[in-house]
C-alpha atoms as a PDB file:
ATOM      1  CA  MET A   1     -33.666   9.254 -20.964  1.00  0.00           C
ATOM      2  CA  ARG A   2     -31.748   6.050 -22.697  1.00  0.00           C
ATOM      3  CA  GLY A   3     -31.902   4.051 -19.283  1.00  0.00           C
ATOM      4  CA  ARG A   4     -28.734   5.403 -17.948  1.00  0.00           C
ATOM      5  CA  HIS A   5     -28.763   5.919 -14.110  1.00  0.00           C
ATOM      6  CA  GLU A   6     -26.933   8.871 -12.710  1.00  0.00           C
ATOM      7  CA  GLY A   7     -24.678   7.265 -10.516  1.00  0.00           C
ATOM      8  CA  GLU A   8     -23.185   4.529 -13.136  1.00  0.00           C
ATOM      9  CA  PRO A   9     -20.524   6.407 -14.880  1.00  0.00           C
ATOM     10  CA  HIS A  10     -18.910   7.678 -11.441  1.00  0.00           C
ATOM     11  CA  GLN A  11     -19.074   4.059 -10.035  1.00  0.00           C
ATOM     12  CA  ARG A  12     -17.379   2.679 -13.172  1.00  0.00           C
ATOM     13  CA  ARG A  13     -14.662   5.291 -12.922  1.00  0.00           C
ATOM     14  CA  SER A  14     -14.242   4.862  -9.294  1.00  0.00           C
ATOM     15  CA  SER A  15     -14.149   0.899  -9.577  1.00  0.00           C
ATOM     16  CA  SER A  16     -11.441   1.309 -12.517  1.00  0.00           C
ATOM     17  CA  ARG A  17      -9.437   3.742 -10.380  1.00  0.00           C
ATOM     18  CA  ARG A  18      -9.152   1.441  -7.463  1.00  0.00           C
ATOM     19  CA  THR A  19      -8.359  -1.279  -9.639  1.00  0.00           C
ATOM     20  CA  LEU A  20      -5.528   0.636 -11.367  1.00  0.00           C
ATOM     21  CA  LEU A  21      -4.401   1.957  -7.988  1.00  0.00           C
ATOM     22  CA  LEU A  22      -4.361  -1.602  -6.293  1.00  0.00           C
ATOM     23  CA  LEU A  23      -2.408  -3.038  -9.387  1.00  0.00           C
ATOM     24  CA  LEU A  24       0.168  -0.217  -9.195  1.00  0.00           C
ATOM     25  CA  GLY A  25       0.537  -0.509  -5.476  1.00  0.00           C
ATOM     26  CA  VAL A  26       1.102  -4.470  -5.861  1.00  0.00           C
ATOM     27  CA  GLY A  27       3.546  -3.956  -8.871  1.00  0.00           C
ATOM     28  CA  ALA A  28       5.310  -1.359  -6.855  1.00  0.00           C
ATOM     29  CA  ALA A  29       5.529  -3.672  -3.958  1.00  0.00           C
ATOM     30  CA  ILE A  30       6.985  -6.456  -6.012  1.00  0.00           C
ATOM     31  CA  LEU A  31       9.488  -4.571  -7.817  1.00  0.00           C
ATOM     32  CA  LEU A  32      10.718  -2.175  -4.825  1.00  0.00           C
ATOM     33  CA  GLY A  33      10.607  -5.010  -2.356  1.00  0.00           C
ATOM     34  CA  ALA A  34      13.344  -6.913  -4.285  1.00  0.00           C
ATOM     35  CA  ASP A  35      15.723  -3.990  -4.158  1.00  0.00           C
ATOM     36  CA  HIS A  36      16.180  -3.900  -0.125  1.00  0.00           C
ATOM     37  CA  ALA A  37      19.804  -5.142   0.820  1.00  0.00           C
ATOM     38  CA  SER A  38      18.709  -4.953   4.403  1.00  0.00           C
ATOM     39  CA  ALA A  39      15.332  -5.922   5.699  1.00  0.00           C
ATOM     40  CA  ASP A  40      12.680  -7.044   3.404  1.00  0.00           C
ATOM     41  CA  TYR A  41       9.344  -5.711   3.782  1.00  0.00           C
ATOM     42  CA  THR A  42       6.050  -6.465   1.640  1.00  0.00           C
ATOM     43  CA  ALA A  43       2.940  -4.415   1.438  1.00  0.00           C
ATOM     44  CA  VAL A  44      -0.088  -5.776  -0.043  1.00  0.00           C
ATOM     45  CA  LEU A  45      -4.106  -5.194   0.263  1.00  0.00           C
ATOM     46  CA  ASN A  46      -5.947  -8.241   1.667  1.00  0.00           C
ATOM     47  CA  GLY A  47      -9.599  -7.133   1.352  1.00  0.00           C
ATOM     48  CA  THR A  48      -9.826  -3.714   3.254  1.00  0.00           C
ATOM     49  CA  THR A  49      -6.848  -4.399   5.301  1.00  0.00           C
ATOM     50  CA  LEU A  50      -3.399  -3.112   4.437  1.00  0.00           C
ATOM     51  CA  GLU A  51      -0.784  -5.915   5.432  1.00  0.00           C
ATOM     52  CA  VAL A  52       2.976  -4.841   5.853  1.00  0.00           C
ATOM     53  CA  THR A  53       5.224  -7.795   6.740  1.00  0.00           C
ATOM     54  CA  GLY A  54       8.828  -7.760   7.407  1.00  0.00           C
ATOM     55  CA  ASP A  55      11.493 -10.227   7.975  1.00  0.00           C
ATOM     56  CA  ASN A  56      13.741 -11.060  10.976  1.00  0.00           C
ATOM     57  CA  ARG A  57      16.404  -8.291  10.207  1.00  0.00           C
ATOM     58  CA  SER A  58      16.012  -5.100  12.181  1.00  0.00           C
ATOM     59  CA  ASP A  59      14.972  -1.849  10.190  1.00  0.00           C
ATOM     60  CA  GLN A  60      13.008   1.340  10.905  1.00  0.00           C
ATOM     61  CA  LEU A  61       9.634   1.472   9.257  1.00  0.00           C
ATOM     62  CA  ALA A  62       7.630   4.866   8.896  1.00  0.00           C
ATOM     63  CA  LEU A  63       3.863   4.821   7.850  1.00  0.00           C
ATOM     64  CA  ARG A  64       2.668   8.345   7.011  1.00  0.00           C
ATOM     65  CA  LEU A  65       0.142  10.285   4.884  1.00  0.00           C
ATOM     66  CA  ASP A  66       1.216  12.280   1.674  1.00  0.00           C
ATOM     67  CA  ALA A  67       0.770  15.910   1.590  1.00  0.00           C
ATOM     68  CA  SER A  68      -2.712  15.661  -0.084  1.00  0.00           C
ATOM     69  CA  GLY A  69      -3.635  13.014   2.811  1.00  0.00           C
ATOM     70  CA  THR A  70      -5.143  10.848   0.342  1.00  0.00           C
ATOM     71  CA  MET A  71      -2.278   8.128   0.140  1.00  0.00           C
ATOM     72  CA  LEU A  72      -0.480   6.334   2.755  1.00  0.00           C
ATOM     73  CA  GLU A  73       3.338   6.029   2.177  1.00  0.00           C
ATOM     74  CA  VAL A  74       5.225   3.006   3.569  1.00  0.00           C
ATOM     75  CA  ASP A  75       8.847   4.050   4.092  1.00  0.00           C
ATOM     76  CA  VAL A  76      11.415   1.250   4.927  1.00  0.00           C
ATOM     77  CA  LYS A  77      14.456   2.383   6.812  1.00  0.00           C
ATOM     78  CA  ASN A  78      12.622   5.776   7.578  1.00  0.00           C
ATOM     79  CA  ASP A  79      14.833   7.638   4.985  1.00  0.00           C
ATOM     80  CA  GLY A  80      12.109   9.956   3.555  1.00  0.00           C
ATOM     81  CA  THR A  81      11.833   7.909   0.667  1.00  0.00           C
ATOM     82  CA  SER A  82       8.370   6.123   0.036  1.00  0.00           C
ATOM     83  CA  ASP A  83       8.796   2.290  -0.778  1.00  0.00           C
ATOM     84  CA  PHE A  84       5.237   1.579  -1.160  1.00  0.00           C
ATOM     85  CA  THR A  85       2.138   3.858  -1.721  1.00  0.00           C
ATOM     86  CA  PHE A  86      -1.489   3.107  -1.255  1.00  0.00           C
ATOM     87  CA  ASP A  87      -4.824   5.001  -1.614  1.00  0.00           C
ATOM     88  CA  ARG A  88      -6.044   5.448   1.647  1.00  0.00           C
ATOM     89  CA  SER A  89      -9.625   4.941   0.420  1.00  0.00           C
ATOM     90  CA  LEU A  90      -8.880   1.177  -0.513  1.00  0.00           C
ATOM     91  CA  PHE A  91      -8.566   0.185   3.248  1.00  0.00           C
ATOM     92  CA  SER A  92      -9.659   0.464   6.664  1.00  0.00           C
ATOM     93  CA  ALA A  93      -7.432  -1.310   8.679  1.00  0.00           C
ATOM     94  CA  ILE A  94      -3.639  -1.720   8.864  1.00  0.00           C
ATOM     95  CA  SER A  95      -1.600  -4.849  10.039  1.00  0.00           C
ATOM     96  CA  VAL A  96       2.160  -4.599  10.437  1.00  0.00           C
ATOM     97  CA  SER A  97       4.194  -7.666  11.396  1.00  0.00           C
ATOM     98  CA  CYS A  98       7.826  -8.163  11.726  1.00  0.00           C
ATOM     99  CA  ALA A  99       9.763 -11.121  12.770  1.00  0.00           C
ATOM    100  CA  ARG A 100      12.875 -10.775  14.890  1.00  0.00           C
ATOM    101  CA  PHE A 101      14.375 -13.816  16.243  1.00  0.00           C
ATOM    102  CA  ALA A 102      17.015 -14.185  18.881  1.00  0.00           C
ATOM    103  CA  ARG A 103      20.134 -16.393  17.843  1.00  0.00           C
END
């Protein structure tokens, strides 16, 4: 054998896939987050925690798994359209923070 370990190709591929999914998720969060006319939300991975943050305007928010059960969809307004999508294997906790202030 030429010094190749059995697990190396799989580990490299998994790491590359995670990095790509992370970049796609962050890119989608930036692009889609700017288009909302009502409440603004961001969704980002911080280590192994998915952090969903909203502003002080009221909106519905839905978190659900896709049909395969491997992707978590974040749906602002709960209108059936996924605004952010994250690979479920990339995080082990979810933090949702929405500020609502009385005037």
